[in-house]
PDB file of N, CA and C in Angstrom:
ATOM      1  N   MET A   1     -98.508  -2.807  13.175  1.00  0.00           N
ATOM      2  CA  MET A   1     -98.222  -1.517  13.770  1.00  0.00           C
ATOM      3  C   MET A   1     -98.037  -0.511  12.641  1.00  0.00           C
ATOM      4  N   PHE A   2     -98.636   0.607  12.787  1.00  0.00           N
ATOM      5  CA  PHE A   2     -98.507   1.659  11.783  1.00  0.00           C
ATOM      6  C   PHE A   2     -97.703   2.793  12.382  1.00  0.00           C
ATOM      7  N   TRP A   3     -96.931   3.399  11.539  1.00  0.00           N
ATOM      8  CA  TRP A   3     -96.088   4.505  11.973  1.00  0.00           C
ATOM      9  C   TRP A   3     -96.421   5.716  11.116  1.00  0.00           C
ATOM     10  N   ALA A   4     -96.555   6.812  11.733  1.00  0.00           N
ATOM     11  CA  ALA A   4     -96.918   8.032  10.993  1.00  0.00           C
ATOM     12  C   ALA A   4     -95.656   8.742  10.531  1.00  0.00           C
ATOM     13  N   TRP A   5     -95.468   8.770   9.223  1.00  0.00           N
ATOM     14  CA  TRP A   5     -94.359   9.502   8.602  1.00  0.00           C
ATOM     15  C   TRP A   5     -94.879  10.867   8.151  1.00  0.00           C
ATOM     16  N   PRO A   6     -93.983  11.750   7.870  1.00  0.00           N
ATOM     17  CA  PRO A   6     -94.468  13.052   7.380  1.00  0.00           C
ATOM     18  C   PRO A   6     -95.207  12.930   6.048  1.00  0.00           C
ATOM     19  N   TYR A   7     -94.982  11.854   5.310  1.00  0.00           N
ATOM     20  CA  TYR A   7     -95.609  11.727   3.986  1.00  0.00           C
ATOM     21  C   TYR A   7     -96.724  10.677   3.976  1.00  0.00           C
ATOM     22  N   GLY A   8     -97.199  10.248   5.127  1.00  0.00           N
ATOM     23  CA  GLY A   8     -98.271   9.279   5.181  1.00  0.00           C
ATOM     24  C   GLY A   8     -97.950   8.175   6.188  1.00  0.00           C
ATOM     25  N   TYR A   9     -98.648   7.064   6.067  1.00  0.00           N
ATOM     26  CA  TYR A   9     -98.483   5.947   6.985  1.00  0.00           C
ATOM     27  C   TYR A   9     -97.665   4.843   6.315  1.00  0.00           C
ATOM     28  N   ALA A  10     -96.842   4.183   7.090  1.00  0.00           N
ATOM     29  CA  ALA A  10     -96.039   3.062   6.585  1.00  0.00           C
ATOM     30  C   ALA A  10     -96.226   1.876   7.541  1.00  0.00           C
ATOM     31  N   TYR A  11     -96.242   0.665   6.966  1.00  0.00           N
ATOM     32  CA  TYR A  11     -96.376  -0.545   7.773  1.00  0.00           C
ATOM     33  C   TYR A  11     -94.989  -1.031   8.160  1.00  0.00           C
ATOM     34  N   LEU A  12     -94.782  -1.272   9.431  1.00  0.00           N
ATOM     35  CA  LEU A  12     -93.521  -1.813   9.910  1.00  0.00           C
ATOM     36  C   LEU A  12     -93.724  -3.287  10.267  1.00  0.00           C
ATOM     37  N   PRO A  13     -92.827  -4.161   9.826  1.00  0.00           N
ATOM     38  CA  PRO A  13     -92.973  -5.584  10.161  1.00  0.00           C
ATOM     39  C   PRO A  13     -92.710  -5.815  11.649  1.00  0.00           C
ATOM     40  N   PRO A  14     -93.186  -6.936  12.178  1.00  0.00           N
ATOM     41  CA  PRO A  14     -92.927  -7.224  13.594  1.00  0.00           C
ATOM     42  C   PRO A  14     -91.437  -7.465  13.817  1.00  0.00           C
ATOM     43  N   PRO A  15     -90.964  -7.364  15.065  1.00  0.00           N
ATOM     44  CA  PRO A  15     -89.537  -7.590  15.328  1.00  0.00           C
ATOM     45  C   PRO A  15     -89.160  -9.047  15.060  1.00  0.00           C
ATOM     46  N   TYR A  16     -87.927  -9.264  14.695  1.00  0.00           N
ATOM     47  CA  TYR A  16     -87.449 -10.605  14.388  1.00  0.00           C
ATOM     48  C   TYR A  16     -87.331 -11.405  15.674  1.00  0.00           C
ATOM     49  N   TYR A  17     -87.761 -12.675  15.629  1.00  0.00           N
ATOM     50  CA  TYR A  17     -87.720 -13.546  16.801  1.00  0.00           C
ATOM     51  C   TYR A  17     -86.471 -14.406  16.735  1.00  0.00           C
ATOM     52  N   TYR A  18     -85.683 -14.369  17.785  1.00  0.00           N
ATOM     53  CA  TYR A  18     -84.515 -15.234  17.893  1.00  0.00           C
ATOM     54  C   TYR A  18     -84.899 -16.427  18.755  1.00  0.00           C
ATOM     55  N   GLY A  19     -84.905 -17.611  18.174  1.00  0.00           N
ATOM     56  CA  GLY A  19     -85.286 -18.819  18.887  1.00  0.00           C
ATOM     57  C   GLY A  19     -84.179 -19.302  19.800  1.00  0.00           C
ATOM     58  N   PRO A  20     -84.406 -20.426  20.464  1.00  0.00           N
ATOM     59  CA  PRO A  20     -83.387 -20.973  21.361  1.00  0.00           C
ATOM     60  C   PRO A  20     -82.154 -21.433  20.591  1.00  0.00           C
ATOM     61  N   ASP A  21     -81.048 -21.462  21.266  1.00  0.00           N
ATOM     62  CA  ASP A  21     -79.785 -21.857  20.664  1.00  0.00           C
ATOM     63  C   ASP A  21     -79.696 -23.375  20.618  1.00  0.00           C
ATOM     64  N   TYR A  22     -79.769 -23.951  19.422  1.00  0.00           N
ATOM     65  CA  TYR A  22     -79.668 -25.395  19.253  1.00  0.00           C
ATOM     66  C   TYR A  22     -78.310 -25.778  18.699  1.00  0.00           C
ATOM     67  N   GLY A  23     -77.297 -25.089  19.082  1.00  0.00           N
ATOM     68  CA  GLY A  23     -75.949 -25.349  18.588  1.00  0.00           C
ATOM     69  C   GLY A  23     -75.351 -26.600  19.184  1.00  0.00           C
ATOM     70  N   VAL A  24     -74.138 -26.504  19.605  1.00  0.00           N
ATOM     71  CA  VAL A  24     -73.401 -27.628  20.172  1.00  0.00           C
ATOM     72  C   VAL A  24     -73.988 -27.981  21.533  1.00  0.00           C
ATOM     73  N   PRO A  25     -74.225 -29.272  21.812  1.00  0.00           N
ATOM     74  CA  PRO A  25     -74.761 -29.629  23.123  1.00  0.00           C
ATOM     75  C   PRO A  25     -73.785 -29.262  24.237  1.00  0.00           C
ATOM     76  N   LYS A  26     -74.337 -28.926  25.373  1.00  0.00           N
ATOM     77  CA  LYS A  26     -73.518 -28.507  26.511  1.00  0.00           C
ATOM     78  C   LYS A  26     -72.787 -29.684  27.139  1.00  0.00           C
ATOM     79  N   GLU A  27     -73.443 -30.842  27.210  1.00  0.00           N
ATOM     80  CA  GLU A  27     -72.829 -32.038  27.776  1.00  0.00           C
ATOM     81  C   GLU A  27     -72.936 -33.163  26.760  1.00  0.00           C
ATOM     82  N   VAL A  28     -71.930 -33.967  26.678  1.00  0.00           N
ATOM     83  CA  VAL A  28     -71.956 -35.121  25.802  1.00  0.00           C
ATOM     84  C   VAL A  28     -72.244 -36.348  26.669  1.00  0.00           C
ATOM     85  N   MET A  29     -73.314 -37.044  26.335  1.00  0.00           N
ATOM     86  CA  MET A  29     -73.689 -38.220  27.117  1.00  0.00           C
ATOM     87  C   MET A  29     -72.683 -39.340  26.865  1.00  0.00           C
ATOM     88  N   PRO A  30     -72.340 -40.104  27.885  1.00  0.00           N
ATOM     89  CA  PRO A  30     -71.374 -41.192  27.688  1.00  0.00           C
ATOM     90  C   PRO A  30     -71.977 -42.310  26.856  1.00  0.00           C
ATOM     91  N   ALA A  31     -71.142 -42.942  26.055  1.00  0.00           N
ATOM     92  CA  ALA A  31     -71.596 -44.069  25.259  1.00  0.00           C
ATOM     93  C   ALA A  31     -71.793 -45.274  26.174  1.00  0.00           C
ATOM     94  N   ILE A  32     -72.929 -45.952  26.043  1.00  0.00           N
ATOM     95  CA  ILE A  32     -73.194 -47.131  26.859  1.00  0.00           C
ATOM     96  C   ILE A  32     -73.596 -48.290  25.957  1.00  0.00           C
ATOM     97  N   TYR A  33     -73.448 -49.485  26.459  1.00  0.00           N
ATOM     98  CA  TYR A  33     -73.821 -50.699  25.763  1.00  0.00           C
ATOM     99  C   TYR A  33     -74.590 -51.563  26.740  1.00  0.00           C
ATOM    100  N   VAL A  34     -75.736 -52.089  26.303  1.00  0.00           N
ATOM    101  CA  VAL A  34     -76.562 -52.937  27.160  1.00  0.00           C
ATOM    102  C   VAL A  34     -76.546 -54.337  26.575  1.00  0.00           C
ATOM    103  N   GLU A  35     -76.207 -55.323  27.412  1.00  0.00           N
ATOM    104  CA  GLU A  35     -76.199 -56.710  26.953  1.00  0.00           C
ATOM    105  C   GLU A  35     -76.987 -57.572  27.930  1.00  0.00           C
ATOM    106  N   LYS A  36     -77.442 -58.732  27.437  1.00  0.00           N
ATOM    107  CA  LYS A  36     -78.159 -59.675  28.291  1.00  0.00           C
ATOM    108  C   LYS A  36     -77.174 -60.292  29.275  1.00  0.00           C
ATOM    109  N   PHE A  37     -77.608 -60.440  30.506  1.00  0.00           N
ATOM    110  CA  PHE A  37     -76.771 -61.021  31.550  1.00  0.00           C
ATOM    111  C   PHE A  37     -77.353 -62.373  31.909  1.00  0.00           C
ATOM    112  N   ASP A  38     -76.618 -63.436  31.639  1.00  0.00           N
ATOM    113  CA  ASP A  38     -77.068 -64.784  31.964  1.00  0.00           C
ATOM    114  C   ASP A  38     -76.670 -65.133  33.390  1.00  0.00           C
ATOM    115  N   GLY A  39     -77.571 -65.778  34.110  1.00  0.00           N
ATOM    116  CA  GLY A  39     -77.269 -66.189  35.473  1.00  0.00           C
ATOM    117  C   GLY A  39     -77.746 -65.177  36.486  1.00  0.00           C
ATOM    118  N   GLU A  40     -77.284 -65.353  37.712  1.00  0.00           N
ATOM    119  CA  GLU A  40     -77.639 -64.461  38.814  1.00  0.00           C
ATOM    120  C   GLU A  40     -76.416 -63.634  39.203  1.00  0.00           C
ATOM    121  N   PRO A  41     -76.576 -62.325  39.413  1.00  0.00           N
ATOM    122  CA  PRO A  41     -75.441 -61.509  39.835  1.00  0.00           C
ATOM    123  C   PRO A  41     -75.015 -61.826  41.263  1.00  0.00           C
ATOM    124  N   THR A  42     -73.739 -61.649  41.531  1.00  0.00           N
ATOM    125  CA  THR A  42     -73.172 -61.847  42.868  1.00  0.00           C
ATOM    126  C   THR A  42     -72.443 -60.564  43.261  1.00  0.00           C
ATOM    127  N   PRO A  43     -72.024 -60.421  44.499  1.00  0.00           N
ATOM    128  CA  PRO A  43     -71.254 -59.223  44.877  1.00  0.00           C
ATOM    129  C   PRO A  43     -69.952 -59.081  44.085  1.00  0.00           C
ATOM    130  N   GLN A  44     -69.414 -60.181  43.532  1.00  0.00           N
ATOM    131  CA  GLN A  44     -68.176 -60.114  42.757  1.00  0.00           C
ATOM    132  C   GLN A  44     -68.427 -59.735  41.292  1.00  0.00           C
ATOM    133  N   THR A  45     -69.679 -59.619  40.873  1.00  0.00           N
ATOM    134  CA  THR A  45     -69.996 -59.268  39.495  1.00  0.00           C
ATOM    135  C   THR A  45     -69.542 -57.843  39.212  1.00  0.00           C
ATOM    136  N   THR A  46     -68.805 -57.684  38.113  1.00  0.00           N
ATOM    137  CA  THR A  46     -68.309 -56.350  37.759  1.00  0.00           C
ATOM    138  C   THR A  46     -69.350 -55.599  36.943  1.00  0.00           C
ATOM    139  N   GLY A  47     -69.290 -54.286  37.011  1.00  0.00           N
ATOM    140  CA  GLY A  47     -70.201 -53.441  36.247  1.00  0.00           C
ATOM    141  C   GLY A  47     -71.557 -53.303  36.921  1.00  0.00           C
ATOM    142  N   GLU A  48     -72.470 -52.647  36.208  1.00  0.00           N
ATOM    143  CA  GLU A  48     -73.815 -52.440  36.721  1.00  0.00           C
ATOM    144  C   GLU A  48     -74.726 -53.502  36.136  1.00  0.00           C
ATOM    145  N   VAL A  49     -75.562 -54.097  36.964  1.00  0.00           N
ATOM    146  CA  VAL A  49     -76.515 -55.105  36.517  1.00  0.00           C
ATOM    147  C   VAL A  49     -77.904 -54.544  36.803  1.00  0.00           C
ATOM    148  N   PHE A  50     -78.732 -54.485  35.747  1.00  0.00           N
ATOM    149  CA  PHE A  50     -80.023 -53.802  35.803  1.00  0.00           C
ATOM    150  C   PHE A  50     -81.157 -54.795  35.587  1.00  0.00           C
ATOM    151  N   CYS A  51     -82.260 -54.604  36.301  1.00  0.00           N
ATOM    152  CA  CYS A  51     -83.468 -55.417  36.131  1.00  0.00           C
ATOM    153  C   CYS A  51     -84.532 -54.534  35.482  1.00  0.00           C
ATOM    154  N   PRO A  52     -84.814 -54.707  34.168  1.00  0.00           N
ATOM    155  CA  PRO A  52     -85.823 -53.864  33.521  1.00  0.00           C
ATOM    156  C   PRO A  52     -87.239 -54.133  34.022  1.00  0.00           C
ATOM    157  N   GLY A  53     -87.510 -55.349  34.530  1.00  0.00           N
ATOM    158  CA  GLY A  53     -88.844 -55.672  35.033  1.00  0.00           C
ATOM    159  C   GLY A  53     -89.218 -54.863  36.268  1.00  0.00           C
ATOM    160  N   LYS A  54     -88.246 -54.616  37.125  1.00  0.00           N
ATOM    161  CA  LYS A  54     -88.488 -53.846  38.355  1.00  0.00           C
ATOM    162  C   LYS A  54     -87.875 -52.450  38.285  1.00  0.00           C
ATOM    163  N   TYR A  55     -87.201 -52.150  37.181  1.00  0.00           N
ATOM    164  CA  TYR A  55     -86.568 -50.852  36.945  1.00  0.00           C
ATOM    165  C   TYR A  55     -85.665 -50.468  38.117  1.00  0.00           C
ATOM    166  N   ALA A  56     -84.763 -51.395  38.465  1.00  0.00           N
ATOM    167  CA  ALA A  56     -83.839 -51.182  39.585  1.00  0.00           C
ATOM    168  C   ALA A  56     -82.540 -51.930  39.307  1.00  0.00           C
ATOM    169  N   TYR A  57     -81.505 -51.582  40.040  1.00  0.00           N
ATOM    170  CA  TYR A  57     -80.176 -52.183  39.886  1.00  0.00           C
ATOM    171  C   TYR A  57     -79.918 -53.200  40.990  1.00  0.00           C
ATOM    172  N   TYR A  58     -79.006 -54.135  40.708  1.00  0.00           N
ATOM    173  CA  TYR A  58     -78.498 -55.055  41.718  1.00  0.00           C
ATOM    174  C   TYR A  58     -77.500 -54.276  42.550  1.00  0.00           C
ATOM    175  N   PRO A  59     -77.435 -54.321  43.820  1.00  0.00           N
ATOM    176  CA  PRO A  59     -78.030 -55.201  44.820  1.00  0.00           C
ATOM    177  C   PRO A  59     -79.315 -54.666  45.433  1.00  0.00           C
ATOM    178  N   ASP A  60     -79.877 -53.565  44.908  1.00  0.00           N
ATOM    179  CA  ASP A  60     -81.145 -53.074  45.458  1.00  0.00           C
ATOM    180  C   ASP A  60     -82.255 -54.098  45.265  1.00  0.00           C
ATOM    181  N   VAL A  61     -82.188 -54.866  44.178  1.00  0.00           N
ATOM    182  CA  VAL A  61     -83.158 -55.917  43.883  1.00  0.00           C
ATOM    183  C   VAL A  61     -82.388 -57.218  43.758  1.00  0.00           C
ATOM    184  N   ARG A  62     -82.833 -58.258  44.420  1.00  0.00           N
ATOM    185  CA  ARG A  62     -82.125 -59.540  44.410  1.00  0.00           C
ATOM    186  C   ARG A  62     -82.686 -60.514  43.372  1.00  0.00           C
ATOM    187  N   GLU A  63     -83.961 -60.359  42.995  1.00  0.00           N
ATOM    188  CA  GLU A  63     -84.583 -61.251  42.016  1.00  0.00           C
ATOM    189  C   GLU A  63     -85.155 -60.426  40.873  1.00  0.00           C
ATOM    190  N   CYS A  64     -84.998 -60.937  39.648  1.00  0.00           N
ATOM    191  CA  CYS A  64     -85.503 -60.239  38.472  1.00  0.00           C
ATOM    192  C   CYS A  64     -86.317 -61.226  37.634  1.00  0.00           C
ATOM    193  N   PRO A  65     -87.638 -61.017  37.531  1.00  0.00           N
ATOM    194  CA  PRO A  65     -88.472 -61.983  36.830  1.00  0.00           C
ATOM    195  C   PRO A  65     -88.215 -62.070  35.323  1.00  0.00           C
ATOM    196  N   GLY A  66     -87.817 -61.009  34.679  1.00  0.00           N
ATOM    197  CA  GLY A  66     -87.637 -61.022  33.227  1.00  0.00           C
ATOM    198  C   GLY A  66     -86.211 -61.224  32.770  1.00  0.00           C
ATOM    199  N   GLY A  67     -85.277 -61.353  33.682  1.00  0.00           N
ATOM    200  CA  GLY A  67     -83.870 -61.498  33.328  1.00  0.00           C
ATOM    201  C   GLY A  67     -83.113 -60.195  33.525  1.00  0.00           C
ATOM    202  N   TRP A  68     -81.815 -60.340  33.700  1.00  0.00           N
ATOM    203  CA  TRP A  68     -80.948 -59.201  34.013  1.00  0.00           C
ATOM    204  C   TRP A  68     -80.316 -58.639  32.744  1.00  0.00           C
ATOM    205  N   GLN A  69     -79.874 -57.378  32.838  1.00  0.00           N
ATOM    206  CA  GLN A  69     -79.103 -56.733  31.779  1.00  0.00           C
ATOM    207  C   GLN A  69     -77.862 -56.125  32.405  1.00  0.00           C
ATOM    208  N   ARG A  70     -76.736 -56.224  31.674  1.00  0.00           N
ATOM    209  CA  ARG A  70     -75.506 -55.586  32.147  1.00  0.00           C
ATOM    210  C   ARG A  70     -75.342 -54.269  31.387  1.00  0.00           C
ATOM    211  N   ILE A  71     -75.026 -53.212  32.123  1.00  0.00           N
ATOM    212  CA  ILE A  71     -74.791 -51.894  31.547  1.00  0.00           C
ATOM    213  C   ILE A  71     -73.287 -51.682  31.492  1.00  0.00           C
ATOM    214  N   ILE A  72     -72.754 -51.502  30.292  1.00  0.00           N
ATOM    215  CA  ILE A  72     -71.324 -51.269  30.108  1.00  0.00           C
ATOM    216  C   ILE A  72     -71.157 -49.845  29.594  1.00  0.00           C
ATOM    217  N   ARG A  73     -70.451 -49.046  30.348  1.00  0.00           N
ATOM    218  CA  ARG A  73     -70.195 -47.659  29.941  1.00  0.00           C
ATOM    219  C   ARG A  73     -68.853 -47.583  29.228  1.00  0.00           C
ATOM    220  N   GLU A  74     -68.664 -46.531  28.455  1.00  0.00           N
ATOM    221  CA  GLU A  74     -67.443 -46.362  27.671  1.00  0.00           C
ATOM    222  C   GLU A  74     -66.214 -46.315  28.559  1.00  0.00           C
ATOM    223  N   SER A  75     -66.325 -45.766  29.754  1.00  0.00           N
ATOM    224  CA  SER A  75     -65.177 -45.653  30.656  1.00  0.00           C
ATOM    225  C   SER A  75     -64.813 -46.997  31.290  1.00  0.00           C
ATOM    226  N   ASP A  76     -65.770 -47.946  31.330  1.00  0.00           N
ATOM    227  CA  ASP A  76     -65.496 -49.269  31.895  1.00  0.00           C
ATOM    228  C   ASP A  76     -64.713 -50.112  30.897  1.00  0.00           C
ATOM    229  N   GLY A  77     -64.011 -51.063  31.411  1.00  0.00           N
ATOM    230  CA  GLY A  77     -63.312 -51.989  30.548  1.00  0.00           C
ATOM    231  C   GLY A  77     -64.247 -53.074  30.067  1.00  0.00           C
ATOM    232  N   PRO A  78     -63.724 -54.102  29.399  1.00  0.00           N
ATOM    233  CA  PRO A  78     -64.588 -55.190  28.960  1.00  0.00           C
ATOM    234  C   PRO A  78     -65.123 -55.956  30.160  1.00  0.00           C
ATOM    235  N   ALA A  79     -66.375 -56.361  30.056  1.00  0.00           N
ATOM    236  CA  ALA A  79     -67.028 -57.062  31.162  1.00  0.00           C
ATOM    237  C   ALA A  79     -66.943 -58.562  30.958  1.00  0.00           C
ATOM    238  N   ASP A  80     -66.732 -59.279  32.074  1.00  0.00           N
ATOM    239  CA  ASP A  80     -66.727 -60.735  32.006  1.00  0.00           C
ATOM    240  C   ASP A  80     -68.049 -61.232  32.566  1.00  0.00           C
ATOM    241  N   SER A  81     -68.670 -62.182  31.885  1.00  0.00           N
ATOM    242  CA  SER A  81     -69.981 -62.672  32.317  1.00  0.00           C
ATOM    243  C   SER A  81     -69.803 -63.513  33.578  1.00  0.00           C
ATOM    244  N   GLY A  82     -70.807 -63.497  34.415  1.00  0.00           N
ATOM    245  CA  GLY A  82     -70.676 -64.258  35.647  1.00  0.00           C
ATOM    246  C   GLY A  82     -71.939 -64.357  36.277  1.00  0.00           C
TER     247      GLY A  82
END
């Protein structure tokens, strides 16, 4: 962009671009721990039990061909295997 001054033409730089704010995250994701779950889950099993083969949780899925995983979140206490 050129601007006409009384003493000639001057080049003006483009306006400064302010990018997105990458500061402090708005939400902090909870810390989780994934461990192998041996055996078959039952209704008395504590915590979340996940089947990565079918990408679903127990009790929505009753059989898991590749084995189960237990999801332990930071807010949960220690999990007992079962």
